[in-house]
Every structure is written in C-alpha cells, then in structure tokens.
Amino acid sequence: MATHVHDHQHAHDQHAHDQHAHGSELSETQLRVRALETVLTEKGYIDPAALDLIIEAYETKVGPHNGARVIARAWSDPTFKRALLEDASKAVRTMGHESRVGDHLVAVENTPQLHNIVVCTLCSCYPWEVLGLPPVWYKSAPYRSRAVKDPRGVLSDFGVKLPNETQIRVWESTAETRFLVLPMRPGGTEGWSEERLAQLVTRDCMIGTGLPKSAQEIA
C-alpha cells in the first residue's frame, strides 16, 4: 500500500515537474499543491466545491485588505474610531466582518507617546478575519520570545525606529482575545477618501511591527 501511494505521488510530482519545465505560470510549490489536491480528491478525502469556497473566502472575504478598510474608516470617521476603540468586534461587524465564535477583537491606538505591538507567545493566535493568515515570522519562536523581552530591538529589526521617549506596549493575543493596532494617520492625507487611505495601511502596521506608508509612496 505504501509503495502504491509513493508511486502515485511520484507520478504526480513528475507531472508537476513536467508542467513547470514547459513554461507553466504556476510555481513549483503551487504545482505540488495542485497535484496533492488531485490525489485527495480522487480518494474522496476532500470535496472540491467545499475547498473552492474556503479558497474564495481567504481570497475575497478575509485578509489584510479588510483590516486596511477598518483603519481607513477609523482615520476618516471619528464616530467609528470611538466605536472601534470601545468594542472592535462590534465595530468591524458593522462593516460586514464576522469573527469566529468566542473571539473578541480589541483595537489599540498608537500615539506619539505610545506604540503597540502584538504577539502570541504560546502559538499564533491572530485576527484572521481582518488580517488573513499570520505571516511565518509571527509564528516563529524568536519573534514570540523577543517581542516580549526586547520589543524595541524587534521593531528595529523590522526597520521601525521610535523616539526613546515613546513607550512600547506589548499585547498578548490569545484564543479568546485578538488585537488590532490602529496606527497613526500619516501626514499630508487630509481630505483623502477611505479607499485611498486604505492603500497606506500595511499588514505589519496593524500588528505593530511596521508603520503605514507615507502619502508620497502612493502619490
């Protein structure tokens, strides 16, 4: 049985390699995923329709683009900003984003005096509905340990240089409570639409390991 499965997988791997060699636009990893999906579908382990729905959800319904729209709304609408800081779960729900049952989203605001950074020291708890899949570094042991012990050093590694007088606060994300950093609005963006403001927001600045893009970067 093991030999049969190995041979079957080898054939798919060879097919993936042949496609890659003949100019396929898919990467080697994407081809291997496609081959594995074919094997699992043939064996009845997965339902292609259900898998398509999951993929569609992560491409269109969840991800950092959702968080960017939330931040842009908070930057441009003081009433929404107050609601976000009071109860982020409720506020993002008004924009059509649903968190998993039991999850509670908390928004923390950056100011000139305070910079927030989020970490999960136990695993990789993360607000998927507004940020999508967590980056590899967020799940790594070095980040999870150093973010607590040396947050300023971690920020420096990410290229974020803060004034010495700026306090850094580390928030521990858990299975029940997730955090979203509300970064400071870049200067020179007065009168911008929410859509344009959202282009300034990066995934990392919503975790606290980065800053928004400047107005000049998307001008």
Foldseek 3Di string as FASTA:
>chain_A
DVVVVVVLLVVQLVVLVVCVVVPDPDDSVVSSVVSVVVVCVVVVNDDVVVVVVVVCCLVPQWAQLLVLLLLLCVVVPVVLVVVCQVFVQVSSVVVVFHFPPLAGEHEDEDDLQEFEAEAALPAQAARGRNHNDDDPVRGDNVCSVCCVVPVQVLLVVLVDHHPPNHYYDYDHADPRYHYWYNYDQAPPCPPPDSVLSSQQDDSRVRRRSDHTHHPVVVD
